[in-house]
Amino acid sequence: MRPPYLLLDIDGVFLPFPDEHGSTPATHARHDVVPAGRSADDPVTVWLHPDHGRLLTDVIRTGLVTPVWCTSWRQDATTLIGPLLGLPDLPHVDLPRPQITTSHPNGYLWKRDHVDAWLADAPVVWIDDDFTGLDHDWAAERTASGMPTLLVQPDPHLGLQPEHLTQVSRHGARSLPTARAA
């Protein structure tokens, strides 16, 4: 069995949302980036934790997962966010640009149908801050059907924490045939 994909969202995971007072965690450093199609005179400010790249690189180096960006940042995840974290070039799920007013137009995360088709029968660990109960039901159904699926959901105001990456490593190891035989 191939290692599970590690799907990585950005907003609410690597880029925490401000709290009710408009503050981001003091642990994060400010960066200005210019996404594709945006004028250099109108950059986007992002706040990134300087340890996230190293922590994620440690998980990637185990070979237990295959990392892929799964974010509305699309290719900008690799060209803008990844380098700021010191990450290698990672592929991305080519998500559409839906005309929606909520991230849960059908009661579950808008990305899920696209991800489900992209994954086919591959195992996955998916880190995103915006899952609903229906997404967790989908993950349980996939797992019961023989496609190990773990959803990791950080608090969007805190973002990714070391314990989330511990979950990733544990799930990746369980998904490998040698780990199952142990």
N, C-alpha and C. Protein backbone atom coordinates (compact mmCIF):
# COMPACT_ATOMS: atom_id res chain seq x y z
N MET A 1 0.85 -1.18 0.00
CA MET A 1 0.00 0.00 0.00
C MET A 1 0.89 1.24 0.00
N ARG A 2 0.52 2.22 -0.81
CA ARG A 2 1.28 3.47 -0.86
C ARG A 2 1.06 4.27 0.44
N PRO A 3 2.02 5.15 0.76
CA PRO A 3 1.80 6.00 1.94
C PRO A 3 0.59 6.90 1.70
N PRO A 4 -0.11 7.25 2.75
CA PRO A 4 -1.26 8.14 2.58
C PRO A 4 -0.82 9.52 2.11
N TYR A 5 -1.71 10.16 1.39
CA TYR A 5 -1.49 11.56 1.07
C TYR A 5 -1.67 12.35 2.35
N LEU A 6 -0.91 13.41 2.47
CA LEU A 6 -1.08 14.39 3.54
C LEU A 6 -1.56 15.66 2.86
N LEU A 7 -2.86 15.92 2.95
CA LEU A 7 -3.44 17.11 2.34
C LEU A 7 -3.35 18.27 3.31
N LEU A 8 -2.82 19.38 2.84
CA LEU A 8 -2.54 20.53 3.68
C LEU A 8 -3.30 21.77 3.24
N ASP A 9 -4.16 22.24 4.11
CA ASP A 9 -4.82 23.52 3.90
C ASP A 9 -3.87 24.61 4.40
N ILE A 10 -4.14 25.85 4.08
CA ILE A 10 -3.30 26.96 4.56
C ILE A 10 -4.07 27.84 5.54
N ASP A 11 -5.17 28.45 5.10
CA ASP A 11 -5.91 29.38 5.97
C ASP A 11 -6.51 28.63 7.15
N GLY A 12 -6.19 29.10 8.36
CA GLY A 12 -6.67 28.46 9.57
C GLY A 12 -5.77 27.31 10.02
N VAL A 13 -4.82 26.92 9.19
CA VAL A 13 -3.87 25.86 9.54
C VAL A 13 -2.48 26.48 9.70
N PHE A 14 -1.91 26.97 8.61
CA PHE A 14 -0.62 27.66 8.69
C PHE A 14 -0.80 29.14 8.95
N LEU A 15 -1.92 29.69 8.49
CA LEU A 15 -2.24 31.10 8.70
C LEU A 15 -3.43 31.19 9.65
N PRO A 16 -3.18 31.37 10.93
CA PRO A 16 -4.31 31.44 11.87
C PRO A 16 -5.14 32.69 11.63
N PHE A 17 -6.43 32.56 11.89
CA PHE A 17 -7.32 33.70 11.78
C PHE A 17 -7.17 34.56 13.03
N PRO A 18 -7.32 35.87 12.90
CA PRO A 18 -7.26 36.74 14.08
C PRO A 18 -8.36 36.37 15.08
N ASP A 19 -8.05 36.58 16.36
CA ASP A 19 -9.06 36.32 17.39
C ASP A 19 -10.05 37.48 17.43
N GLU A 20 -10.94 37.45 18.41
CA GLU A 20 -11.99 38.48 18.49
C GLU A 20 -11.44 39.89 18.68
N HIS A 21 -10.17 39.99 19.09
CA HIS A 21 -9.54 41.30 19.27
C HIS A 21 -8.69 41.70 18.06
N GLY A 22 -8.70 40.85 17.02
CA GLY A 22 -7.91 41.14 15.82
C GLY A 22 -6.46 40.72 15.92
N SER A 23 -6.12 39.95 16.95
CA SER A 23 -4.73 39.52 17.16
C SER A 23 -4.48 38.13 16.59
N THR A 24 -3.27 37.94 16.09
CA THR A 24 -2.80 36.61 15.69
C THR A 24 -1.81 36.15 16.74
N PRO A 25 -1.52 34.85 16.80
CA PRO A 25 -0.59 34.37 17.83
C PRO A 25 0.75 35.09 17.77
N ALA A 26 1.29 35.42 18.93
CA ALA A 26 2.58 36.12 19.01
C ALA A 26 3.73 35.29 18.45
N THR A 27 3.51 34.00 18.30
CA THR A 27 4.54 33.09 17.79
C THR A 27 4.73 33.21 16.28
N HIS A 28 3.86 33.88 15.58
CA HIS A 28 3.88 33.94 14.12
C HIS A 28 4.53 35.23 13.63
N ALA A 29 5.27 35.12 12.52
CA ALA A 29 5.96 36.27 11.92
C ALA A 29 5.20 36.77 10.70
N ARG A 30 5.22 38.07 10.52
CA ARG A 30 4.51 38.72 9.41
C ARG A 30 5.33 38.63 8.12
N HIS A 31 4.58 38.36 7.01
CA HIS A 31 5.15 38.35 5.67
C HIS A 31 4.12 38.96 4.73
N ASP A 32 4.59 39.67 3.72
CA ASP A 32 3.70 40.18 2.67
C ASP A 32 3.98 39.39 1.41
N VAL A 33 2.92 38.85 0.80
CA VAL A 33 3.05 38.05 -0.42
C VAL A 33 2.12 38.61 -1.49
N VAL A 34 2.45 38.30 -2.73
CA VAL A 34 1.64 38.75 -3.85
C VAL A 34 1.14 37.52 -4.61
N PRO A 35 -0.09 37.10 -4.33
CA PRO A 35 -0.66 35.95 -5.04
C PRO A 35 -0.79 36.21 -6.54
N ALA A 36 -0.84 35.13 -7.30
CA ALA A 36 -1.01 35.22 -8.76
C ALA A 36 -2.24 36.05 -9.09
N GLY A 37 -2.10 36.92 -10.07
CA GLY A 37 -3.21 37.75 -10.51
C GLY A 37 -3.43 38.99 -9.68
N ARG A 38 -2.59 39.20 -8.68
CA ARG A 38 -2.75 40.36 -7.81
C ARG A 38 -1.59 41.33 -8.07
N SER A 39 -1.84 42.61 -7.96
CA SER A 39 -0.83 43.64 -8.19
C SER A 39 0.20 43.65 -7.05
N ALA A 40 1.45 43.89 -7.40
CA ALA A 40 2.51 44.00 -6.39
C ALA A 40 2.24 45.17 -5.45
N ASP A 41 1.42 46.11 -5.88
CA ASP A 41 1.05 47.24 -5.02
C ASP A 41 -0.02 46.87 -4.00
N ASP A 42 -0.53 45.66 -4.08
CA ASP A 42 -1.61 45.22 -3.21
C ASP A 42 -1.30 43.83 -2.62
N PRO A 43 -0.22 43.73 -1.84
CA PRO A 43 0.16 42.42 -1.29
C PRO A 43 -0.83 41.95 -0.21
N VAL A 44 -0.75 40.67 0.10
CA VAL A 44 -1.54 40.06 1.16
C VAL A 44 -0.59 39.80 2.34
N THR A 45 -0.99 40.23 3.51
CA THR A 45 -0.19 39.97 4.71
C THR A 45 -0.57 38.62 5.28
N VAL A 46 0.44 37.80 5.54
CA VAL A 46 0.24 36.49 6.15
C VAL A 46 1.11 36.39 7.39
N TRP A 47 0.68 35.58 8.33
CA TRP A 47 1.41 35.37 9.57
C TRP A 47 1.75 33.88 9.66
N LEU A 48 3.04 33.55 9.67
CA LEU A 48 3.48 32.16 9.68
C LEU A 48 4.36 31.88 10.90
N HIS A 49 4.20 30.69 11.44
CA HIS A 49 5.02 30.25 12.57
C HIS A 49 6.36 29.76 12.02
N PRO A 50 7.48 30.29 12.51
CA PRO A 50 8.78 29.91 11.95
C PRO A 50 9.15 28.44 12.14
N ASP A 51 8.52 27.74 13.09
CA ASP A 51 8.84 26.32 13.31
C ASP A 51 8.03 25.37 12.45
N HIS A 52 6.94 25.84 11.83
CA HIS A 52 6.08 24.94 11.08
C HIS A 52 6.79 24.23 9.94
N GLY A 53 7.62 24.93 9.22
CA GLY A 53 8.34 24.31 8.12
C GLY A 53 9.23 23.17 8.58
N ARG A 54 9.98 23.39 9.65
CA ARG A 54 10.86 22.36 10.17
C ARG A 54 10.07 21.16 10.67
N LEU A 55 8.99 21.43 11.40
CA LEU A 55 8.17 20.34 11.93
C LEU A 55 7.55 19.51 10.81
N LEU A 56 7.04 20.18 9.78
CA LEU A 56 6.44 19.47 8.66
C LEU A 56 7.51 18.72 7.86
N THR A 57 8.67 19.32 7.69
CA THR A 57 9.76 18.65 6.98
C THR A 57 10.16 17.37 7.70
N ASP A 58 10.18 17.41 9.02
CA ASP A 58 10.50 16.19 9.79
C ASP A 58 9.50 15.08 9.50
N VAL A 59 8.22 15.41 9.40
CA VAL A 59 7.19 14.42 9.09
C VAL A 59 7.37 13.91 7.65
N ILE A 60 7.62 14.81 6.72
CA ILE A 60 7.77 14.43 5.31
C ILE A 60 8.95 13.47 5.15
N ARG A 61 10.05 13.75 5.84
CA ARG A 61 11.27 12.93 5.71
C ARG A 61 11.07 11.50 6.20
N THR A 62 10.06 11.23 7.01
CA THR A 62 9.83 9.86 7.46
C THR A 62 9.39 8.97 6.31
N GLY A 63 8.84 9.57 5.25
CA GLY A 63 8.33 8.79 4.13
C GLY A 63 6.99 8.14 4.42
N LEU A 64 6.39 8.47 5.56
CA LEU A 64 5.11 7.86 5.94
C LEU A 64 3.92 8.51 5.25
N VAL A 65 4.12 9.69 4.65
CA VAL A 65 3.06 10.41 3.97
C VAL A 65 3.61 11.07 2.71
N THR A 66 2.71 11.37 1.80
CA THR A 66 3.05 12.11 0.58
C THR A 66 2.33 13.45 0.66
N PRO A 67 3.06 14.55 0.93
CA PRO A 67 2.40 15.84 1.13
C PRO A 67 1.91 16.48 -0.16
N VAL A 68 0.71 17.09 -0.06
CA VAL A 68 0.09 17.79 -1.19
C VAL A 68 -0.69 18.96 -0.62
N TRP A 69 -0.53 20.13 -1.20
CA TRP A 69 -1.34 21.28 -0.80
C TRP A 69 -2.79 21.05 -1.23
N CYS A 70 -3.73 21.39 -0.38
CA CYS A 70 -5.16 21.29 -0.69
C CYS A 70 -5.81 22.55 -0.16
N THR A 71 -5.72 23.60 -0.93
CA THR A 71 -6.06 24.92 -0.45
C THR A 71 -6.54 25.82 -1.58
N SER A 72 -7.31 26.81 -1.23
CA SER A 72 -7.73 27.79 -2.23
C SER A 72 -6.56 28.66 -2.68
N TRP A 73 -5.41 28.51 -2.05
CA TRP A 73 -4.20 29.19 -2.51
C TRP A 73 -3.64 28.52 -3.78
N ARG A 74 -4.07 27.28 -4.04
CA ARG A 74 -3.66 26.51 -5.21
C ARG A 74 -2.14 26.56 -5.41
N GLN A 75 -1.66 26.90 -6.62
CA GLN A 75 -0.22 26.91 -6.91
C GLN A 75 0.53 27.93 -6.05
N ASP A 76 -0.14 28.99 -5.61
CA ASP A 76 0.53 29.97 -4.76
C ASP A 76 1.01 29.34 -3.44
N ALA A 77 0.43 28.23 -3.04
CA ALA A 77 0.90 27.54 -1.85
C ALA A 77 2.36 27.13 -2.04
N THR A 78 2.68 26.60 -3.22
CA THR A 78 4.05 26.16 -3.51
C THR A 78 4.99 27.32 -3.77
N THR A 79 4.52 28.34 -4.49
CA THR A 79 5.41 29.42 -4.89
C THR A 79 5.56 30.52 -3.83
N LEU A 80 4.56 30.69 -2.95
CA LEU A 80 4.61 31.77 -1.97
C LEU A 80 4.74 31.28 -0.53
N ILE A 81 3.87 30.39 -0.10
CA ILE A 81 3.84 29.98 1.30
C ILE A 81 4.94 28.96 1.60
N GLY A 82 5.07 27.94 0.77
CA GLY A 82 6.09 26.91 0.98
C GLY A 82 7.49 27.47 1.18
N PRO A 83 7.97 28.35 0.29
CA PRO A 83 9.32 28.90 0.47
C PRO A 83 9.50 29.67 1.79
N LEU A 84 8.46 30.37 2.23
CA LEU A 84 8.56 31.10 3.51
C LEU A 84 8.71 30.14 4.68
N LEU A 85 8.22 28.90 4.51
CA LEU A 85 8.34 27.88 5.55
C LEU A 85 9.57 27.00 5.35
N GLY A 86 10.29 27.21 4.24
CA GLY A 86 11.46 26.38 3.96
C GLY A 86 11.09 24.99 3.46
N LEU A 87 9.91 24.86 2.86
CA LEU A 87 9.45 23.56 2.37
C LEU A 87 9.89 23.34 0.93
N PRO A 88 10.05 22.09 0.54
CA PRO A 88 10.32 21.82 -0.88
C PRO A 88 9.07 22.09 -1.70
N ASP A 89 9.22 22.11 -3.02
CA ASP A 89 8.06 22.26 -3.89
C ASP A 89 7.13 21.07 -3.66
N LEU A 90 5.88 21.36 -3.41
CA LEU A 90 4.89 20.30 -3.21
C LEU A 90 3.81 20.46 -4.27
N PRO A 91 3.26 19.35 -4.74
CA PRO A 91 2.14 19.45 -5.68
C PRO A 91 0.91 19.98 -4.95
N HIS A 92 -0.11 20.30 -5.73
CA HIS A 92 -1.36 20.77 -5.12
C HIS A 92 -2.56 20.15 -5.83
N VAL A 93 -3.63 19.99 -5.09
CA VAL A 93 -4.90 19.56 -5.67
C VAL A 93 -5.44 20.78 -6.42
N ASP A 94 -5.74 20.60 -7.69
CA ASP A 94 -6.21 21.72 -8.51
C ASP A 94 -7.70 21.94 -8.25
N LEU A 95 -7.98 22.67 -7.20
CA LEU A 95 -9.36 22.95 -6.81
C LEU A 95 -9.98 24.01 -7.71
N PRO A 96 -11.27 23.90 -7.96
CA PRO A 96 -11.95 24.93 -8.76
C PRO A 96 -12.12 26.21 -7.94
N ARG A 97 -12.60 27.23 -8.58
CA ARG A 97 -12.92 28.49 -7.91
C ARG A 97 -14.44 28.64 -7.89
N PRO A 98 -15.08 27.96 -6.93
CA PRO A 98 -16.55 27.97 -6.93
C PRO A 98 -17.12 29.32 -6.54
N GLN A 99 -18.28 29.59 -7.05
CA GLN A 99 -19.02 30.80 -6.70
C GLN A 99 -19.94 30.45 -5.54
N ILE A 100 -19.39 30.49 -4.33
CA ILE A 100 -20.15 30.11 -3.14
C ILE A 100 -20.07 31.23 -2.11
N THR A 101 -21.03 31.25 -1.21
CA THR A 101 -21.04 32.27 -0.16
C THR A 101 -20.75 31.66 1.21
N THR A 102 -20.60 30.35 1.27
CA THR A 102 -20.25 29.65 2.49
C THR A 102 -19.29 28.52 2.13
N SER A 103 -18.44 28.13 3.05
CA SER A 103 -17.52 27.03 2.76
C SER A 103 -18.20 25.67 2.90
N HIS A 104 -19.49 25.68 3.29
CA HIS A 104 -20.26 24.44 3.47
C HIS A 104 -21.59 24.50 2.70
N PRO A 105 -21.55 24.69 1.38
CA PRO A 105 -22.80 24.87 0.63
C PRO A 105 -23.74 23.67 0.69
N ASN A 106 -23.21 22.49 0.93
CA ASN A 106 -24.03 21.28 1.03
C ASN A 106 -23.99 20.69 2.43
N GLY A 107 -23.56 21.48 3.40
CA GLY A 107 -23.46 21.01 4.78
C GLY A 107 -22.11 20.42 5.12
N TYR A 108 -21.22 20.34 4.11
CA TYR A 108 -19.87 19.84 4.33
C TYR A 108 -18.89 20.72 3.56
N LEU A 109 -17.61 20.56 3.84
CA LEU A 109 -16.58 21.41 3.24
C LEU A 109 -16.63 21.35 1.71
N TRP A 110 -16.65 22.50 1.07
CA TRP A 110 -16.79 22.59 -0.38
C TRP A 110 -15.72 21.82 -1.13
N LYS A 111 -14.55 21.64 -0.56
CA LYS A 111 -13.45 20.94 -1.23
C LYS A 111 -13.67 19.43 -1.31
N ARG A 112 -14.51 18.91 -0.43
CA ARG A 112 -14.57 17.46 -0.22
C ARG A 112 -14.89 16.67 -1.48
N ASP A 113 -15.87 17.06 -2.26
CA ASP A 113 -16.21 16.30 -3.46
C ASP A 113 -15.03 16.24 -4.44
N HIS A 114 -14.31 17.34 -4.57
CA HIS A 114 -13.15 17.38 -5.46
C HIS A 114 -12.02 16.51 -4.93
N VAL A 115 -11.82 16.57 -3.63
CA VAL A 115 -10.79 15.76 -3.00
C VAL A 115 -11.14 14.28 -3.12
N ASP A 116 -12.39 13.93 -2.88
CA ASP A 116 -12.81 12.54 -2.96
C ASP A 116 -12.53 11.97 -4.35
N ALA A 117 -12.85 12.73 -5.38
CA ALA A 117 -12.58 12.27 -6.76
C ALA A 117 -11.08 12.18 -7.01
N TRP A 118 -10.32 13.15 -6.51
CA TRP A 118 -8.87 13.17 -6.71
C TRP A 118 -8.20 12.00 -6.01
N LEU A 119 -8.66 11.68 -4.80
CA LEU A 119 -8.06 10.60 -4.02
C LEU A 119 -8.34 9.22 -4.61
N ALA A 120 -9.50 9.04 -5.20
CA ALA A 120 -9.97 7.71 -5.62
C ALA A 120 -9.95 6.81 -4.39
N ASP A 121 -9.11 5.77 -4.37
CA ASP A 121 -9.09 4.86 -3.23
C ASP A 121 -7.85 5.03 -2.35
N ALA A 122 -7.14 6.14 -2.50
CA ALA A 122 -5.90 6.37 -1.74
C ALA A 122 -6.19 6.70 -0.29
N PRO A 123 -5.33 6.24 0.62
CA PRO A 123 -5.45 6.65 2.02
C PRO A 123 -5.04 8.11 2.16
N VAL A 124 -5.56 8.77 3.21
CA VAL A 124 -5.29 10.20 3.35
C VAL A 124 -5.32 10.64 4.80
N VAL A 125 -4.47 11.60 5.10
CA VAL A 125 -4.56 12.42 6.30
C VAL A 125 -4.79 13.82 5.77
N TRP A 126 -5.86 14.45 6.20
CA TRP A 126 -6.22 15.77 5.67
C TRP A 126 -6.28 16.75 6.82
N ILE A 127 -5.44 17.79 6.75
CA ILE A 127 -5.42 18.82 7.77
C ILE A 127 -6.14 20.06 7.23
N ASP A 128 -7.25 20.40 7.86
CA ASP A 128 -8.04 21.56 7.48
C ASP A 128 -8.81 22.01 8.72
N ASP A 129 -9.02 23.28 8.85
CA ASP A 129 -9.70 23.81 10.04
C ASP A 129 -11.22 23.86 9.88
N ASP A 130 -11.76 23.49 8.72
CA ASP A 130 -13.15 23.82 8.41
C ASP A 130 -14.06 22.62 8.16
N PHE A 131 -13.76 21.47 8.76
CA PHE A 131 -14.60 20.30 8.58
C PHE A 131 -15.90 20.42 9.38
N THR A 132 -16.94 19.73 8.91
CA THR A 132 -18.20 19.63 9.64
C THR A 132 -18.39 18.17 10.06
N GLY A 133 -19.46 17.91 10.77
CA GLY A 133 -19.78 16.54 11.15
C GLY A 133 -19.95 15.64 9.94
N LEU A 134 -20.49 16.17 8.85
CA LEU A 134 -20.66 15.37 7.63
C LEU A 134 -19.31 14.97 7.04
N ASP A 135 -18.30 15.82 7.18
CA ASP A 135 -16.96 15.46 6.70
C ASP A 135 -16.39 14.33 7.55
N HIS A 136 -16.61 14.40 8.85
CA HIS A 136 -16.12 13.34 9.73
C HIS A 136 -16.85 12.03 9.45
N ASP A 137 -18.13 12.09 9.12
CA ASP A 137 -18.87 10.88 8.72
C ASP A 137 -18.29 10.30 7.44
N TRP A 138 -17.97 11.16 6.47
CA TRP A 138 -17.36 10.73 5.21
C TRP A 138 -16.04 10.02 5.49
N ALA A 139 -15.22 10.58 6.38
CA ALA A 139 -13.93 9.97 6.71
C ALA A 139 -14.13 8.59 7.35
N ALA A 140 -15.10 8.48 8.23
CA ALA A 140 -15.38 7.18 8.87
C ALA A 140 -15.84 6.16 7.83
N GLU A 141 -16.68 6.58 6.89
CA GLU A 141 -17.16 5.68 5.83
C GLU A 141 -16.02 5.23 4.93
N ARG A 142 -15.13 6.15 4.56
CA ARG A 142 -13.97 5.78 3.74
C ARG A 142 -13.10 4.77 4.47
N THR A 143 -12.85 5.04 5.75
CA THR A 143 -12.01 4.15 6.53
C THR A 143 -12.64 2.77 6.63
N ALA A 144 -13.94 2.71 6.89
CA ALA A 144 -14.65 1.43 6.99
C ALA A 144 -14.61 0.67 5.66
N SER A 145 -14.47 1.40 4.55
CA SER A 145 -14.40 0.78 3.22
C SER A 145 -12.98 0.39 2.83
N GLY A 146 -12.03 0.51 3.76
CA GLY A 146 -10.66 0.10 3.48
C GLY A 146 -9.75 1.20 2.98
N MET A 147 -10.21 2.45 3.04
CA MET A 147 -9.39 3.59 2.62
C MET A 147 -9.12 4.45 3.86
N PRO A 148 -8.04 4.17 4.59
CA PRO A 148 -7.78 4.91 5.82
C PRO A 148 -7.84 6.42 5.60
N THR A 149 -8.65 7.08 6.41
CA THR A 149 -8.88 8.52 6.27
C THR A 149 -8.90 9.15 7.65
N LEU A 150 -8.00 10.09 7.86
CA LEU A 150 -7.94 10.82 9.12
C LEU A 150 -8.09 12.30 8.82
N LEU A 151 -9.04 12.94 9.49
CA LEU A 151 -9.20 14.39 9.39
C LEU A 151 -8.60 15.00 10.65
N VAL A 152 -7.70 15.94 10.47
CA VAL A 152 -7.07 16.66 11.57
C VAL A 152 -7.56 18.10 11.47
N GLN A 153 -8.16 18.59 12.55
CA GLN A 153 -8.84 19.88 12.49
C GLN A 153 -8.29 20.83 13.56
N PRO A 154 -7.30 21.66 13.20
CA PRO A 154 -6.78 22.64 14.15
C PRO A 154 -7.80 23.74 14.46
N ASP A 155 -7.65 24.34 15.60
CA ASP A 155 -8.42 25.54 15.94
C ASP A 155 -7.95 26.63 14.97
N PRO A 156 -8.85 27.26 14.22
CA PRO A 156 -8.44 28.22 13.20
C PRO A 156 -7.77 29.48 13.77
N HIS A 157 -7.91 29.73 15.06
CA HIS A 157 -7.26 30.89 15.66
C HIS A 157 -5.88 30.56 16.22
N LEU A 158 -5.58 29.27 16.32
CA LEU A 158 -4.26 28.83 16.79
C LEU A 158 -3.44 28.22 15.67
N GLY A 159 -4.13 27.56 14.73
CA GLY A 159 -3.44 26.92 13.63
C GLY A 159 -2.79 25.61 14.03
N LEU A 160 -1.92 25.14 13.16
CA LEU A 160 -1.24 23.87 13.32
C LEU A 160 -0.43 23.83 14.61
N GLN A 161 -0.56 22.72 15.34
CA GLN A 161 0.18 22.51 16.59
C GLN A 161 1.01 21.23 16.45
N PRO A 162 2.10 21.11 17.22
CA PRO A 162 2.93 19.89 17.12
C PRO A 162 2.14 18.59 17.29
N GLU A 163 1.13 18.59 18.16
CA GLU A 163 0.36 17.36 18.37
C GLU A 163 -0.42 16.94 17.11
N HIS A 164 -0.75 17.89 16.25
CA HIS A 164 -1.40 17.53 14.99
C HIS A 164 -0.46 16.73 14.11
N LEU A 165 0.81 17.11 14.10
CA LEU A 165 1.78 16.39 13.28
C LEU A 165 2.11 15.03 13.90
N THR A 166 1.99 14.91 15.20
CA THR A 166 2.13 13.59 15.84
C THR A 166 1.01 12.68 15.36
N GLN A 167 -0.21 13.19 15.28
CA GLN A 167 -1.34 12.41 14.74
C GLN A 167 -1.04 11.96 13.31
N VAL A 168 -0.49 12.85 12.51
CA VAL A 168 -0.17 12.54 11.12
C VAL A 168 0.81 11.37 11.07
N SER A 169 1.87 11.43 11.85
CA SER A 169 2.89 10.38 11.84
C SER A 169 2.31 9.05 12.29
N ARG A 170 1.49 9.07 13.33
CA ARG A 170 0.89 7.83 13.82
C ARG A 170 -0.05 7.22 12.78
N HIS A 171 -0.86 8.04 12.14
CA HIS A 171 -1.80 7.54 11.14
C HIS A 171 -1.04 7.01 9.93
N GLY A 172 -0.02 7.73 9.50
CA GLY A 172 0.77 7.29 8.35
C GLY A 172 1.40 5.94 8.61
N ALA A 173 1.93 5.74 9.80
CA ALA A 173 2.56 4.47 10.13
C ALA A 173 1.53 3.34 10.14
N ARG A 174 0.33 3.60 10.62
CA ARG A 174 -0.73 2.57 10.65
C ARG A 174 -1.19 2.20 9.25
N SER A 175 -1.04 3.13 8.31
CA SER A 175 -1.53 2.88 6.96
C SER A 175 -0.58 2.03 6.13
N LEU A 176 0.66 1.90 6.59
CA LEU A 176 1.63 1.12 5.85
C LEU A 176 1.45 -0.37 6.11
N PRO A 177 1.61 -1.21 5.10
CA PRO A 177 1.41 -2.64 5.28
C PRO A 177 2.26 -3.22 6.40
N THR A 178 3.50 -2.78 6.55
CA THR A 178 4.36 -3.34 7.59
C THR A 178 3.84 -2.96 8.96
N ALA A 179 3.25 -1.78 9.08
CA ALA A 179 2.71 -1.36 10.37
C ALA A 179 1.46 -2.17 10.71
N ARG A 180 0.69 -2.56 9.70
CA ARG A 180 -0.52 -3.35 9.95
C ARG A 180 -0.16 -4.74 10.46
N ALA A 181 0.95 -5.28 9.95
CA ALA A 181 1.33 -6.63 10.34
C ALA A 181 1.91 -6.67 11.75
N ALA A 182 2.34 -5.52 12.25
CA ALA A 182 3.00 -5.48 13.57
C ALA A 182 2.01 -5.73 14.69
